[in-house]
Amino acid sequence: MTTPVLYLIACAAGPTQYIDDGVRAAQADGWDVCLILTPSAANWWEPRMQELVELTGYPVRSRYKLPWEKDVLPRADAMLVAPMSCTTLNKWGAGISDTVAIGIPSEAVHMGVPVVTMPYFNQAQGAQPAVARSIAALREQGVLVLDGPDGYASHPPKQGNPKAFPWGKALAGMRGLASASPQDSLRVSTITEGRPPDHG
């Protein structure tokens, strides 16, 4: 039986310092993990990027492919965007896919791929009116957003504990959503794999 492929997509939020913990947790949960980082998150890991390549067995993506480049990752059975920063949340909710980390899941959810996200930001950031609107917009599209008691509850400013990010809750949500999805909707490649977004 083929191991299902999970795209783990991480933003420049505190727990991404320990994204290797998230990869290992997902692997232990039965996923073949491919890692995608926002450009800022990739900068954090640049000196140690080879560690992530060796851990996953795949290149780590952080930019859109050029038109002549081939796919370097297998097709995704499911996607987990975690940790999701406040910036990524609001861009995604507004339909702005200026990074591959947003572009891939924003299209995949409309192509039958299960997409789950768990945020990580503080209560001051969460108080921005755009946050509630963006979460509602993602849920309306079918994204499972794990916030509050069912996922990550925003912490007071400067009191976060990124090392303790609840990967177990994220993966439990992923299991539940993936198992509820029709099997013929899986193994869908996203069209953002081959091109940058249309800014015209």
Protein backbone atom coordinates (compact mmCIF):
# COMPACT_ATOMS: atom_id res chain seq x y z
CA MET A 1 0.00 0.00 0.00
CA THR A 2 1.34 3.42 -0.96
CA THR A 3 2.06 5.80 1.88
CA PRO A 4 -0.15 8.91 1.54
CA VAL A 5 1.68 12.13 0.74
CA LEU A 6 1.28 15.14 3.01
CA TYR A 7 2.43 18.61 2.03
CA LEU A 8 3.47 20.29 5.28
CA ILE A 9 3.50 24.02 4.60
CA ALA A 10 5.08 26.30 7.21
CA CYS A 11 5.26 30.06 7.60
CA ALA A 12 7.74 32.30 9.42
CA ALA A 13 6.04 31.75 12.78
CA GLY A 14 7.79 30.64 15.96
CA PRO A 15 7.20 26.86 15.73
CA THR A 16 8.87 26.74 12.32
CA GLN A 17 12.17 26.93 14.18
CA TYR A 18 11.27 23.35 15.10
CA ILE A 19 9.58 22.27 11.88
CA ASP A 20 11.64 19.10 11.98
CA ASP A 21 9.52 18.12 15.00
CA GLY A 22 6.41 18.58 12.87
CA VAL A 23 7.87 16.49 10.06
CA ARG A 24 8.75 13.65 12.43
CA ALA A 25 5.32 13.76 14.05
CA ALA A 26 3.63 13.52 10.64
CA GLN A 27 5.93 10.70 9.55
CA ALA A 28 5.12 8.81 12.75
CA ASP A 29 1.44 9.35 11.93
CA GLY A 30 1.86 7.49 8.65
CA TRP A 31 2.50 10.28 6.13
CA ASP A 32 5.16 10.65 3.47
CA VAL A 33 6.02 14.29 4.15
CA CYS A 34 7.02 16.95 1.64
CA LEU A 35 7.97 20.32 3.11
CA ILE A 36 7.12 23.73 1.67
CA LEU A 37 8.25 26.95 3.36
CA THR A 38 7.44 30.59 2.84
CA PRO A 39 10.50 32.56 1.66
CA SER A 40 11.01 34.06 5.13
CA ALA A 41 10.79 30.64 6.78
CA ALA A 42 13.26 29.27 4.25
CA ASN A 43 15.70 32.01 5.26
CA TRP A 44 15.49 30.81 8.85
CA TRP A 45 16.46 27.30 7.81
CA GLU A 46 18.93 28.16 5.04
CA PRO A 47 22.07 27.17 7.02
CA ARG A 48 20.47 23.80 7.90
CA MET A 49 18.28 23.17 4.86
CA GLN A 50 20.06 19.94 4.01
CA GLU A 51 18.86 18.50 7.32
CA LEU A 52 15.27 18.94 6.17
CA VAL A 53 16.03 17.46 2.76
CA GLU A 54 17.53 14.38 4.40
CA LEU A 55 14.66 14.12 6.88
CA THR A 56 11.92 14.21 4.23
CA GLY A 57 13.79 12.68 1.30
CA TYR A 58 12.62 15.53 -0.97
CA PRO A 59 13.76 19.02 -1.92
CA VAL A 60 12.26 21.75 0.25
CA ARG A 61 10.26 24.18 -1.87
CA SER A 62 9.96 27.90 -1.13
CA ARG A 63 9.33 29.48 -4.54
CA TYR A 64 7.20 28.96 -7.63
CA LYS A 65 8.71 26.84 -10.36
CA LEU A 66 9.94 28.40 -13.54
CA PRO A 67 7.97 27.31 -16.63
CA TRP A 68 10.66 24.87 -17.81
CA GLU A 69 11.31 23.25 -14.45
CA LYS A 70 9.92 19.81 -13.64
CA ASP A 71 7.95 18.83 -10.58
CA VAL A 72 10.24 17.81 -7.74
CA LEU A 73 7.54 16.60 -5.33
CA PRO A 74 4.99 13.79 -5.62
CA ARG A 75 1.32 14.74 -5.81
CA ALA A 76 -0.33 15.53 -2.50
CA ASP A 77 -3.04 13.47 -0.84
CA ALA A 78 -3.53 16.18 1.79
CA MET A 79 -2.05 19.47 2.93
CA LEU A 80 -1.37 20.89 6.38
CA VAL A 81 -0.51 24.58 6.64
CA ALA A 82 1.08 24.87 10.06
CA PRO A 83 2.16 26.97 11.71
CA MET A 84 0.20 29.60 9.81
CA SER A 85 1.21 33.20 10.50
CA CYS A 86 -1.20 36.10 10.73
CA THR A 87 0.24 37.52 7.51
CA THR A 88 -0.30 34.31 5.56
CA LEU A 89 -3.81 33.93 6.97
CA ASN A 90 -4.86 37.38 5.82
CA LYS A 91 -3.24 37.06 2.40
CA TRP A 92 -4.87 33.68 1.85
CA GLY A 93 -8.24 34.92 3.05
CA ALA A 94 -8.00 37.83 0.61
CA GLY A 95 -7.08 35.57 -2.30
CA ILE A 96 -3.48 36.79 -2.55
CA SER A 97 -1.16 33.94 -3.48
CA ASP A 98 2.17 35.69 -3.88
CA THR A 99 4.12 32.73 -2.46
CA VAL A 100 4.02 29.08 -3.42
CA ALA A 101 3.19 28.30 0.22
CA ILE A 102 -0.16 30.09 -0.21
CA GLY A 103 -0.74 29.36 -3.88
CA ILE A 104 -0.63 25.58 -3.62
CA PRO A 105 -3.20 25.09 -0.82
CA SER A 106 -5.43 27.93 -2.01
CA GLU A 107 -6.00 26.10 -5.29
CA ALA A 108 -5.84 22.57 -3.89
CA VAL A 109 -8.85 23.02 -1.62
CA HIS A 110 -10.94 23.74 -4.72
CA MET A 111 -9.60 20.63 -6.45
CA GLY A 112 -10.72 18.10 -3.86
CA VAL A 113 -7.56 17.94 -1.76
CA PRO A 114 -8.14 18.00 2.02
CA VAL A 115 -6.52 21.14 3.47
CA VAL A 116 -6.07 21.80 7.19
CA THR A 117 -4.42 24.77 8.84
CA MET A 118 -3.42 25.64 12.39
CA PRO A 119 -2.43 29.23 13.19
CA TYR A 120 0.23 30.52 15.52
CA PHE A 121 0.08 34.19 16.47
CA ASN A 122 -0.54 36.25 19.57
CA GLN A 123 -3.76 37.78 20.88
CA ALA A 124 -2.80 41.29 19.80
CA GLN A 125 -2.36 40.11 16.22
CA GLY A 126 -5.55 38.09 16.46
CA ALA A 127 -7.49 41.19 17.49
CA GLN A 128 -7.09 42.66 14.01
CA PRO A 129 -10.57 42.65 12.37
CA ALA A 130 -9.12 41.07 9.24
CA VAL A 131 -8.26 37.89 11.16
CA ALA A 132 -11.84 36.82 11.88
CA ARG A 133 -12.83 37.66 8.29
CA SER A 134 -9.95 35.63 6.90
CA ILE A 135 -10.71 32.59 9.05
CA ALA A 136 -14.35 32.75 7.94
CA ALA A 137 -13.26 33.01 4.30
CA LEU A 138 -11.06 29.93 4.56
CA ARG A 139 -13.76 27.90 6.28
CA GLU A 140 -16.27 28.94 3.63
CA GLN A 141 -13.95 27.41 1.03
CA GLY A 142 -13.67 24.12 2.91
CA VAL A 143 -10.39 24.62 4.76
CA LEU A 144 -10.40 23.12 8.26
CA VAL A 145 -9.03 25.89 10.49
CA LEU A 146 -7.92 24.58 13.88
CA ASP A 147 -7.97 27.51 16.27
CA GLY A 148 -9.16 27.96 19.82
CA PRO A 149 -9.81 24.87 21.98
CA ASP A 150 -9.79 22.55 18.96
CA GLY A 151 -6.37 23.68 17.80
CA TYR A 152 -4.10 26.54 18.81
CA ALA A 153 -5.48 29.26 21.06
CA SER A 154 -3.68 32.57 20.56
CA HIS A 155 -1.21 33.38 23.32
CA PRO A 156 -0.65 36.73 25.08
CA PRO A 157 2.02 38.87 23.37
CA LYS A 158 5.57 37.71 24.10
CA GLN A 159 4.31 34.65 25.97
CA GLY A 160 4.22 32.05 23.22
CA ASN A 161 5.88 28.65 23.51
CA PRO A 162 6.77 27.68 19.94
CA LYS A 163 8.48 24.45 20.98
CA ALA A 164 5.14 23.24 22.45
CA PHE A 165 3.12 23.77 19.25
CA PRO A 166 0.38 21.06 19.36
CA TRP A 167 1.30 18.97 16.33
CA GLY A 168 -0.89 16.16 17.67
CA LYS A 169 -4.02 18.30 17.34
CA ALA A 170 -3.04 19.36 13.83
CA LEU A 171 -2.49 15.78 12.72
CA ALA A 172 -5.69 14.57 14.37
CA GLY A 173 -7.61 17.19 12.40
CA MET A 174 -5.77 16.14 9.25
CA ARG A 175 -6.67 12.48 9.79
CA GLY A 176 -10.33 13.31 10.32
CA LEU A 177 -10.63 15.50 7.24
CA ALA A 178 -8.65 13.16 4.98
CA SER A 179 -10.67 10.12 6.01
CA ALA A 180 -13.91 11.97 5.24
CA SER A 181 -12.80 12.91 1.72
CA PRO A 182 -13.78 10.77 -1.28
CA GLN A 183 -10.85 8.64 -2.38
CA ASP A 184 -11.20 9.69 -5.99
CA SER A 185 -10.60 13.30 -4.97
CA LEU A 186 -7.09 12.51 -3.78
CA ARG A 187 -3.82 12.43 -5.70
CA VAL A 188 -4.65 15.75 -7.33
CA SER A 189 -1.76 17.89 -8.55
CA THR A 190 -2.21 21.61 -8.08
CA ILE A 191 -1.86 23.83 -11.12
CA THR A 192 0.31 26.31 -9.20
CA GLU A 193 3.09 23.73 -9.32
CA GLY A 194 4.09 24.88 -12.77
CA ARG A 195 3.72 28.63 -12.79
CA PRO A 196 3.66 31.77 -10.69
CA PRO A 197 0.31 33.44 -9.98
CA ASP A 198 -1.20 35.72 -12.58
CA HIS A 199 -0.54 39.27 -11.43
CA GLY A 200 -2.05 40.77 -14.58
